[in-house]
Protein backbone atom coordinates (compact mmCIF):
# COMPACT_ATOMS: atom_id res chain seq x y z
CA MET A 1 146.66 151.12 69.19
CA LYS A 2 149.63 150.40 70.43
CA LYS A 3 152.49 152.81 71.81
CA PHE A 4 156.11 152.47 72.41
CA VAL A 5 158.46 154.79 73.52
CA ILE A 6 162.01 153.85 72.09
CA GLY A 7 164.98 155.65 72.32
CA ILE A 8 168.01 155.99 69.69
CA VAL A 9 171.36 155.75 71.73
CA ALA A 10 175.11 155.21 70.50
CA HIS A 11 178.65 156.21 71.02
CA VAL A 12 179.44 159.74 69.03
CA ASP A 13 179.03 159.03 65.18
CA ALA A 14 177.65 155.86 65.00
CA GLY A 15 174.87 156.93 62.90
CA LYS A 16 172.03 157.60 65.02
CA THR A 17 170.57 160.36 63.39
CA THR A 18 170.82 159.15 60.11
CA LEU A 19 169.02 156.04 61.32
CA SER A 20 166.72 157.68 62.58
CA GLU A 21 166.10 159.53 59.56
CA SER A 22 165.64 156.45 57.47
CA LEU A 23 163.43 155.20 60.28
CA LEU A 24 161.07 158.17 59.56
CA TYR A 25 161.43 157.61 55.72
CA VAL A 26 161.17 153.79 55.55
CA SER A 27 157.52 154.62 57.82
CA GLY A 28 156.45 157.29 55.50
CA LYS A 29 156.84 160.39 58.14
CA ILE A 30 159.22 162.05 56.20
CA GLY A 31 158.85 161.98 52.12
CA LYS A 32 162.46 163.18 51.78
CA MET A 33 165.73 161.55 53.77
CA GLY A 34 167.25 164.08 55.48
CA ARG A 35 171.64 164.35 56.03
CA VAL A 36 173.93 165.16 58.65
CA ASP A 37 176.35 166.89 57.05
CA ASN A 38 173.74 168.25 54.43
CA LYS A 39 172.15 170.15 57.53
CA ASN A 40 168.78 168.93 56.63
CA ALA A 41 167.68 166.24 59.48
CA TYR A 42 164.61 166.37 60.54
CA LEU A 43 165.60 166.38 64.47
CA ASP A 44 169.33 168.03 64.36
CA THR A 45 166.83 171.32 64.69
CA TYR A 46 169.21 173.63 66.26
CA GLU A 47 171.83 175.77 64.46
CA LEU A 48 174.67 174.23 66.05
CA GLU A 49 173.51 170.83 66.06
CA LYS A 50 173.72 171.39 62.14
CA GLU A 51 177.13 173.41 62.01
CA ARG A 52 179.22 170.74 64.52
CA GLY A 53 176.65 167.80 62.94
CA ILE A 54 176.42 165.93 65.95
CA THR A 55 172.91 165.76 68.37
CA ILE A 56 173.13 168.08 71.83
CA PHE A 57 170.01 167.75 72.75
CA SER A 58 167.52 164.76 72.68
CA LYS A 59 164.43 165.29 70.60
CA GLN A 60 161.17 163.11 69.04
CA ALA A 61 159.50 162.08 66.09
CA VAL A 62 156.12 160.26 66.15
CA PHE A 63 155.66 157.75 63.36
CA GLU A 64 153.18 154.86 62.92
CA VAL A 65 153.85 151.45 61.30
CA ASN A 66 151.98 147.93 60.93
CA GLY A 67 149.06 150.10 63.31
CA ILE A 68 151.86 150.83 65.95
CA GLN A 69 152.60 154.29 67.16
CA ILE A 70 156.10 154.90 67.88
CA THR A 71 157.30 158.11 69.45
CA LEU A 72 161.10 158.13 68.86
CA LEU A 73 163.84 160.10 70.92
CA ASP A 74 166.88 160.72 69.58
CA THR A 75 169.80 161.35 72.20
CA PRO A 76 173.21 162.57 72.16
CA GLY A 77 176.12 160.28 71.60
CA HIS A 78 178.72 162.84 72.66
CA VAL A 79 180.40 161.86 76.11
CA ASP A 80 179.43 166.10 76.98
CA PHE A 81 176.16 165.65 76.63
CA SER A 82 175.21 162.29 78.10
CA ALA A 83 173.74 163.54 81.05
CA GLU A 84 170.64 164.63 78.71
CA MET A 85 170.93 160.94 77.44
CA GLU A 86 170.87 159.28 80.77
CA ARG A 87 167.57 161.46 81.72
CA THR A 88 165.49 160.51 78.52
CA LEU A 89 166.50 156.20 79.73
CA GLN A 90 163.95 156.84 82.51
CA VAL A 91 161.27 157.07 80.14
CA LEU A 92 161.86 154.60 77.80
CA ASP A 93 159.94 151.00 76.86
CA TYR A 94 162.78 150.08 74.23
CA ALA A 95 166.26 151.17 73.30
CA ILE A 96 167.99 150.96 69.77
CA LEU A 97 171.43 151.02 70.68
CA VAL A 98 173.42 151.60 67.31
CA ILE A 99 176.98 150.08 67.00
CA ASN A 100 179.44 151.47 64.40
CA GLY A 101 180.43 148.42 61.94
CA ALA A 102 183.73 149.99 60.97
CA ASP A 103 184.65 150.46 64.86
CA GLY A 104 182.93 147.93 66.69
CA VAL A 105 182.15 148.51 70.16
CA GLN A 106 183.58 151.45 71.62
CA ALA A 107 184.46 152.50 75.25
CA HIS A 108 180.81 154.83 75.27
CA THR A 109 179.04 151.89 73.69
CA LYS A 110 179.94 150.05 76.61
CA THR A 111 178.99 152.99 79.11
CA VAL A 112 175.64 153.48 77.89
CA TRP A 113 175.06 149.40 77.86
CA ARG A 114 175.98 149.60 81.94
CA LEU A 115 173.18 152.07 81.97
CA LEU A 116 170.58 150.18 80.09
CA GLU A 117 171.27 147.68 82.34
CA MET A 118 171.03 150.06 85.18
CA TYR A 119 168.00 151.24 84.11
CA GLN A 120 166.20 147.72 83.27
CA ILE A 121 165.67 148.63 79.09
CA PRO A 122 165.30 146.01 76.83
CA ALA A 123 167.39 146.83 73.87
CA PHE A 124 167.55 146.42 70.20
CA ILE A 125 170.90 146.60 68.50
CA PHE A 126 171.25 148.05 65.07
CA VAL A 127 175.14 147.59 63.59
CA ASN A 128 175.62 150.27 61.22
CA LYS A 129 177.86 151.11 58.22
CA MET A 130 177.67 147.71 56.97
CA ASP A 131 178.29 148.82 53.77
CA GLN A 132 182.10 150.53 54.31
CA LYS A 133 185.45 147.84 53.29
CA GLY A 134 186.33 145.55 55.32
CA VAL A 135 183.66 145.26 58.23
CA GLU A 136 182.99 141.59 58.70
CA LYS A 137 179.75 140.58 60.29
CA GLU A 138 181.12 137.18 62.11
CA ARG A 139 183.50 138.86 63.84
CA LEU A 140 181.34 142.16 64.64
CA ILE A 141 178.84 139.10 66.33
CA LYS A 142 181.47 138.19 68.28
CA ASP A 143 182.59 141.20 69.83
CA ILE A 144 179.50 142.38 70.70
CA LYS A 145 178.38 138.62 72.22
CA LYS A 146 182.41 139.00 74.19
CA GLN A 147 181.81 142.88 75.21
CA LEU A 148 178.14 143.44 75.91
CA ASP A 149 175.89 140.41 76.28
CA ASP A 150 175.72 137.15 74.76
CA GLY A 151 172.35 137.16 74.57
CA CYS A 152 173.15 139.32 71.78
CA ILE A 153 172.13 137.33 68.74
CA GLU A 154 171.59 138.38 64.74
CA PHE A 155 167.80 138.61 64.31
CA GLY A 156 168.69 138.51 60.29
CA GLU A 157 168.28 135.12 59.76
CA ALA A 158 165.33 134.71 61.65
CA LYS A 159 162.91 131.22 61.67
CA ILE A 160 165.65 128.89 61.19
CA ASN A 161 167.24 126.06 63.15
CA CYS A 162 170.56 127.46 64.21
CA PHE A 163 168.47 131.03 65.01
CA TYR A 164 166.44 128.88 67.61
CA GLU A 165 169.41 126.94 68.84
CA GLN A 166 170.48 130.42 70.05
CA LEU A 167 167.53 131.55 71.47
CA ALA A 168 167.20 128.60 73.42
CA MET A 169 170.74 128.88 74.99
CA CYS A 170 169.61 132.44 76.22
CA ASP A 171 167.09 130.86 78.93
CA GLU A 172 165.42 127.48 80.09
CA LYS A 173 161.72 127.98 79.46
CA LEU A 174 163.06 128.70 75.61
CA LEU A 175 165.10 125.76 75.89
CA GLU A 176 162.14 123.60 76.79
CA SER A 177 159.66 124.94 73.94
CA TYR A 178 162.45 124.59 71.39
CA LEU A 179 163.20 120.67 72.58
CA GLU A 180 159.83 120.18 72.84
CA ALA A 181 158.44 121.80 69.42
CA GLY A 182 161.62 122.11 67.12
CA TYR A 183 161.41 125.81 67.23
CA ILE A 184 160.05 129.00 69.48
CA GLU A 185 156.79 131.20 69.25
CA THR A 186 157.44 134.66 69.14
CA VAL A 187 155.18 135.67 72.36
CA GLN A 188 158.13 133.88 74.10
CA ILE A 189 160.61 135.62 72.36
CA LYS A 190 159.23 139.13 72.48
CA LYS A 191 158.78 138.12 76.58
CA ALA A 192 162.38 136.84 76.60
CA VAL A 193 163.54 140.49 74.84
CA LYS A 194 161.28 142.41 77.55
CA GLU A 195 163.01 140.45 80.51
CA ARG A 196 166.52 141.72 78.69
CA LYS A 197 167.60 137.73 78.61
CA VAL A 198 167.59 138.40 74.28
CA PHE A 199 168.70 141.38 72.40
CA PRO A 200 167.80 141.24 68.84
CA CYS A 201 170.54 142.24 66.73
CA PHE A 202 170.16 143.81 63.00
CA PHE A 203 172.42 144.35 60.44
CA GLY A 204 172.73 147.08 57.73
CA SER A 205 173.40 151.03 56.27
CA ALA A 206 171.33 153.66 57.59
CA LEU A 207 172.48 156.03 54.99
CA LYS A 208 171.91 153.07 51.87
CA LEU A 209 168.14 152.71 53.60
CA GLU A 210 169.90 148.53 53.51
CA GLY A 211 168.31 146.48 56.00
CA ILE A 212 165.88 149.13 57.62
CA GLU A 213 162.79 147.58 56.40
CA GLN A 214 163.89 144.59 58.06
CA PHE A 215 164.77 146.45 61.43
CA LEU A 216 161.46 147.87 61.43
CA GLN A 217 159.72 144.78 60.93
CA GLY A 218 161.76 143.08 63.74
CA ILE A 219 160.73 145.96 66.02
CA THR A 220 157.03 145.70 65.73
CA ALA A 221 157.20 142.00 66.38
CA TYR A 222 159.13 141.50 68.94
CA THR A 223 158.09 144.42 71.16
CA GLU A 224 155.52 143.81 73.64
CA THR A 225 152.75 146.43 74.61
CA PRO A 226 153.47 147.99 78.29
CA GLY A 227 150.25 147.68 80.68
CA TYR A 228 149.80 151.33 82.42
CA SER A 229 147.84 152.24 85.91
CA ASP A 230 144.43 153.98 85.45
CA VAL A 231 146.12 156.29 88.16
CA PHE A 232 147.71 159.50 86.74
CA GLY A 233 151.57 159.09 87.05
CA ALA A 234 154.38 161.11 85.05
CA LYS A 235 157.69 161.03 84.58
CA ILE A 236 159.69 164.28 83.96
CA PHE A 237 162.92 164.14 81.83
CA LYS A 238 163.21 167.56 80.27
CA ILE A 239 162.79 171.02 80.46
CA THR A 240 162.83 173.54 77.56
CA ARG A 241 161.81 176.63 76.06
CA ASP A 242 160.23 177.48 73.07
CA GLU A 243 161.50 180.00 70.26
CA GLN A 244 158.64 182.29 72.35
CA GLY A 245 160.02 181.68 75.61
CA ASN A 246 157.46 179.63 76.70
CA ARG A 247 158.68 177.01 79.51
CA LEU A 248 157.83 173.78 78.07
CA THR A 249 157.85 170.57 80.82
CA HIS A 250 158.58 167.24 79.11
CA MET A 251 157.15 164.18 80.06
CA LYS A 252 155.82 160.60 79.64
CA ILE A 253 152.50 159.61 80.86
CA THR A 254 152.70 157.07 82.87
CA GLY A 255 149.08 156.34 84.26
CA GLY A 256 146.06 157.79 83.64
CA LYS A 257 145.60 160.59 81.69
CA LEU A 258 146.58 164.39 81.20
CA LYS A 259 143.99 167.00 80.49
CA VAL A 260 144.38 170.94 79.96
CA LYS A 261 143.95 172.70 82.83
CA ASP A 262 144.51 170.04 85.24
CA VAL A 263 146.20 171.32 88.48
CA LEU A 264 149.51 169.37 89.06
CA THR A 265 151.66 169.22 92.26
CA ASN A 266 154.39 167.05 93.85
CA GLY A 267 153.28 168.43 97.03
CA MET A 268 155.75 171.54 97.28
CA TRP A 269 154.34 173.46 94.42
CA GLU A 270 150.93 173.24 92.65
CA ASP A 271 150.78 174.66 88.88
CA LYS A 272 147.56 174.40 85.82
CA VAL A 273 148.61 173.13 82.57
CA ASN A 274 148.12 175.14 79.99
CA GLN A 275 148.62 173.47 76.89
CA ILE A 276 149.76 170.16 75.96
CA ARG A 277 151.94 169.78 73.01
CA ILE A 278 152.78 166.33 71.06
CA TYR A 279 156.31 166.98 68.93
CA SER A 280 157.63 165.75 66.18
CA GLY A 281 160.90 167.12 64.60
CA GLN A 282 160.27 171.48 65.21
CA LYS A 283 156.58 170.92 64.82
CA PHE A 284 153.76 170.46 67.36
CA GLU A 285 150.42 169.63 67.30
CA SER A 286 148.17 170.92 70.68
CA VAL A 287 146.19 168.40 72.12
CA SER A 288 143.30 168.34 74.81
CA GLU A 289 144.33 165.53 76.67
CA ILE A 290 146.70 162.56 76.63
CA GLU A 291 146.79 158.99 77.78
CA ALA A 292 149.05 156.59 79.31
CA GLY A 293 152.49 155.93 77.04
CA ALA A 294 152.91 158.69 75.15
CA ILE A 295 155.35 161.72 75.83
CA CYS A 296 154.06 165.03 75.70
CA ALA A 297 155.25 168.67 76.69
CA ALA A 298 153.23 171.09 79.08
CA THR A 299 153.02 174.63 79.30
CA GLY A 300 152.17 176.20 82.86
CA LEU A 301 154.40 174.46 84.74
CA ASN A 302 156.78 177.05 86.64
CA HIS A 303 158.11 174.54 89.16
CA THR A 304 159.05 171.48 87.46
CA ARG A 305 162.58 169.72 87.34
CA PRO A 306 164.40 166.75 85.65
CA GLY A 307 163.85 163.43 87.37
CA GLU A 308 161.02 164.71 89.22
CA GLY A 309 157.75 162.07 89.36
CA LEU A 310 154.13 163.46 89.70
CA GLY A 311 150.92 161.69 90.99
CA MET A 312 151.95 157.74 91.33
CA GLU A 313 155.15 158.05 89.54
CA LYS A 314 158.82 158.45 91.99
CA ALA A 315 161.28 160.53 91.92
CA SER A 316 164.33 159.23 89.82
CA GLY A 317 167.83 158.76 91.79
CA THR A 318 170.97 160.87 90.88
CA PRO A 319 172.58 160.23 87.85
CA VAL A 320 175.37 157.84 87.19
CA LEU A 321 176.92 160.38 84.43
CA GLU A 322 177.73 163.26 86.99
CA PRO A 323 180.22 166.43 85.55
CA VAL A 324 183.92 165.67 85.90
CA LEU A 325 185.24 169.94 85.71
CA PHE A 326 184.35 173.28 87.16
CA TYR A 327 184.95 176.24 84.94
CA LYS A 328 184.34 179.73 86.46
CA ILE A 329 182.27 182.16 84.17
CA ILE A 330 184.37 185.17 83.13
CA LEU A 331 181.67 188.00 82.56
CA PRO A 332 182.54 190.98 80.14
CA GLU A 333 182.85 193.99 81.64
CA GLY A 334 180.06 196.09 83.28
CA CYS A 335 177.63 192.69 83.72
CA ASP A 336 176.33 192.53 87.22
CA PRO A 337 177.11 188.74 88.27
CA ARG A 338 173.77 188.91 90.71
CA ALA A 339 171.64 190.18 87.65
CA MET A 340 173.22 187.36 85.37
CA LEU A 341 172.75 184.85 88.11
CA PRO A 342 169.26 184.48 87.72
CA LYS A 343 169.50 183.97 84.14
CA LEU A 344 171.92 181.09 83.93
CA ARG A 345 169.71 179.68 86.55
CA GLN A 346 167.00 179.26 83.39
CA ILE A 347 169.80 177.50 81.88
CA GLU A 348 170.40 175.40 84.64
CA GLU A 349 166.45 174.33 84.57
CA GLU A 350 166.98 172.67 81.55
CA GLU A 351 170.42 171.39 82.77
CA PRO A 352 170.21 170.42 86.17
CA GLU A 353 173.61 168.86 86.56
CA LEU A 354 175.40 172.22 85.71
CA HIS A 355 175.65 172.97 89.90
CA ILE A 356 175.96 176.50 89.10
CA VAL A 357 176.77 178.15 92.21
CA TRP A 358 177.91 181.94 93.58
CA ASN A 359 181.06 181.51 95.48
CA GLU A 360 181.03 184.53 97.78
CA PRO A 361 184.43 184.81 99.29
CA LEU A 362 185.64 184.58 95.76
CA GLN A 363 182.90 186.85 94.03
CA GLU A 364 182.36 184.33 91.12
CA ILE A 365 180.17 182.24 89.57
CA GLN A 366 181.08 178.18 89.03
CA ILE A 367 179.81 176.00 87.03
CA GLN A 368 180.23 172.22 86.62
CA ILE A 369 180.97 170.74 83.07
CA MET A 370 181.35 167.00 81.11
CA GLY A 371 183.97 168.59 78.67
CA GLU A 372 185.05 171.11 75.99
CA VAL A 373 182.50 170.89 73.48
CA GLN A 374 179.99 171.64 76.23
CA VAL A 375 181.73 175.16 77.15
CA GLU A 376 181.37 176.19 73.32
CA ILE A 377 177.66 175.23 72.92
CA LEU A 378 177.23 177.22 76.62
CA GLN A 379 178.52 180.08 75.55
CA ASN A 380 176.45 180.28 72.04
CA LEU A 381 172.90 179.38 74.42
CA ILE A 382 173.99 182.19 76.61
CA GLN A 383 175.04 184.32 73.47
CA SER A 384 172.00 183.48 71.35
CA ARG A 385 169.74 183.39 74.66
CA PHE A 386 170.38 186.54 76.78
CA ASN A 387 173.02 188.33 74.06
CA ILE A 388 176.06 188.60 76.79
CA GLU A 389 179.53 187.17 75.35
CA VAL A 390 180.87 184.96 78.47
CA THR A 391 183.95 183.03 78.75
CA PHE A 392 185.10 180.57 81.08
CA GLY A 393 188.58 179.85 83.33
CA THR A 394 190.63 176.78 83.11
CA GLY A 395 188.71 173.77 83.78
CA LYS A 396 189.93 172.15 87.64
CA ILE A 397 188.64 169.03 88.19
CA VAL A 398 185.24 168.45 90.30
CA TYR A 399 186.88 166.30 93.51
CA LYS A 400 184.28 164.68 96.00
CA GLU A 401 185.38 165.77 99.81
CA THR A 402 184.83 163.44 102.90
CA ILE A 403 185.88 163.92 106.28
CA ALA A 404 189.14 162.90 107.74
CA ASN A 405 188.15 163.20 111.68
CA SER A 406 185.71 163.25 113.89
CA VAL A 407 183.48 166.60 113.76
CA GLU A 408 181.02 167.88 115.87
CA GLY A 409 177.84 170.10 114.16
CA VAL A 410 175.73 172.02 116.61
CA GLY A 411 172.04 173.60 115.12
CA HIS A 412 169.65 175.63 116.71
CA PHE A 413 165.91 175.65 115.62
CA GLU A 414 162.82 177.54 116.71
CA PRO A 415 159.99 175.73 115.46
CA LEU A 416 156.51 176.89 116.37
CA ARG A 417 158.08 178.63 119.08
CA HIS A 418 159.61 176.21 120.65
CA TYR A 419 163.83 175.96 121.51
CA ALA A 420 165.47 173.25 120.55
CA GLU A 421 170.01 172.40 119.94
CA VAL A 422 170.89 169.48 117.89
CA HIS A 423 174.57 167.91 118.04
CA LEU A 424 175.58 165.88 115.00
CA LEU A 425 178.52 163.94 115.50
CA LEU A 426 180.29 163.37 112.13
CA GLU A 427 182.76 160.22 111.89
CA PRO A 428 184.51 159.02 108.66
CA GLY A 429 183.31 155.80 107.04
CA GLU A 430 184.79 153.36 105.26
CA PRO A 431 185.59 154.49 101.93
CA GLY A 432 182.52 154.24 99.33
CA SER A 433 180.73 153.33 102.46
CA GLY A 434 178.03 156.22 101.88
CA LEU A 435 176.06 158.18 104.39
CA GLN A 436 175.19 156.43 107.37
CA PHE A 437 172.24 157.80 109.76
CA GLU A 438 172.04 156.64 114.02
CA ILE A 439 170.81 158.45 116.92
CA LYS A 440 173.50 157.94 120.08
CA CYS A 441 170.86 159.60 122.82
CA SER A 442 168.87 158.17 125.66
CA GLU A 443 165.34 157.94 125.60
CA ASP A 444 165.65 159.25 129.43
CA MET A 445 166.88 162.53 127.82
CA LEU A 446 164.80 162.80 125.30
CA GLY A 447 161.45 161.02 124.46
CA LYS A 448 160.86 158.32 121.04
CA ASN A 449 158.52 160.74 119.21
CA TRP A 450 160.94 163.53 119.36
CA GLN A 451 163.58 161.67 118.19
CA ARG A 452 161.64 160.38 115.57
CA LEU A 453 160.98 163.71 114.53
CA ILE A 454 164.43 164.44 114.15
């Protein structure tokens, strides 16, 4: 069976979760459509998400349509949780960008679009809330083309002349085909979508199930099955804990297979897989093995980190969206910070961008955060998991520091009973030029093989 991993991304309140619900309902996965305001959405399962009506943690649902298995990942839209969204992007085959028809392209929509470009993820666009007053399709498509990409084309009117004309303008090969045959083959359209030359746009209302059937048909018609190697590979995108406190490593298998009792390593650690779970909403199914292209959560892995690659898969770079504020954590009286630190490290495993540090001179725990909403969520998380009520000091802006003058650092090393002293000269470069390394040491003083080791 063909398998796809598709993520839903958007600016907050565009209707991502409602779209997820309607896709699950129309595909027959759920018998009744939940609503964010009724607090019964299939994917918003945490109490806080129900209370606030926003998605905080990315979650998944697995459903089938037209003989294709789709793993749908619903990601947070609120900017405070955008790091969680960015981590999820790394395992997607395709993305669905939801745009609120009443508001058009918003600031965070553009940020998400740039990330999709950076990670080279093909995207479908669903313009939601078209049932609201004063929403004009023509104006919206113009705005989307101008602010996002000229390749954003309405697919609702597929298979008519003006549709093929617009497609032909996106790529030379499509133009040649159109001029020769007067139409463009679906196979070519699929390829153009995969190569991010064309972005199919659909319009509708997720809440009223308008345009959903057509959108699902469009997804199944214009997606290309990814190819996978037989050599094992996996990309880790999330760490969570279940209600029993078991540590779960969420990953996409990008090559070969994963079986229960397989021993995984990244060269530094070695752990055995105890259980492989396939989640859909709150429920999961345990399987003995899983093939490439699927998403699973494994238990028994105690050292994994989000962004890590296993097997042939390489680790991801640093996320683009980094926290901009840092706060001091104020503990209740009688709570020992040194006992609290390991507990907070557990949360940091799940949210690596928190950068929790113990400031020795100030004798305080500091944490990096995206914004006010995240502060509140963290307070709740610490309260529910460890039954400790913490508060936060005033937020300060995280500055990236660099050196102003040349400075020399000296390090002493004693590997295998040898003694070495290394001098490191640091000099400021041009702003934004990054780090550059070179050796200024003659080979007469130190042989090439030793220099290479340094």
